[in-house]
């Protein structure tokens, strides 16, 4: 069997299982996790990347030439915190930017026609209840209701804090392309395919294999183990409860019985302006921005938000 037939077999056999839209239970899990990270109503991160096309025909050189002077094909993906690829759109010429690709993407068409995302979920942001779920994007995308982009010119502390949180969570899509290139370097380096159709098949097969690996490994990701330790520390009794809230009393009442409780006690004793509720147990400071939204900052490394 040739490589081309093998990749096509992977797409045909495993595509419906590993490249389908999330179920209502999975959407609920994604929303719950992103609400804990500080952005309720977020269903994933959206971003584009250019896949260099080494064997681009000369007749298509002008159409597929990107801003760096190389021939490429644009890949648009939507992923969650675990790097699971929920949507993949490949094939637009490299001369188009993210905005042009978005207008041609099935994602935009499904949202504009009301097919996706489902409107059965609701969330509250800044005192307003909404049912249209949103995606995290960068500044090039238009201010649509289903996009959450950073403030272009933040002037207040609230806007600056929000931009830090949004950019930290939006890095999920950036990390995805780095993982794909490192894990499947044979397929995702300079493509030596003759047609765009073969590149689309390779990209889909790589996404399916990546989701298989993610399904196998995501229970051991740092973000999941960190949240499990925080939940265990919060439910571990008065000692762990004092450690999570932070303070000298928690340290003196046996809060250092577990590693999570010990880190929580140290974090609560050292953090200034820390809000309680489990931030100490995860080694993060908790701050409030806007109306009832929480963002997180690592006391050791200084970055905002969660990362795996």
Foldseek 3Di string as FASTA:
>chain_A
DDPLVVLVVLCVPCVVPQAAADDPVVQVVLQVVVQVLFDHLARWAKDKDWFFAPQEDPVCLVQQQAPVRTGTKMWIFTAGQLLRTHDIDIDHHRPDDPQVVCVVDVVNVCVVVVNDDDQPDWDDDLRDIGRQGAHEYEDVYDPDPRYDYQDPDDDDPLSVQVNLSSVVRNCSVVVSVVCLCVVCVVLRHHDHDHDRVSNVSSVSSSSRVVSVVSVVCVCPDPVNVLVVQLVCLCPVPDLSVDLQQEDPVSVVVNQPPDVLSVQSNVQRDPDDPAGGDRQSSSQWGWDDHRPPTIKTAHPVPGGITDHD
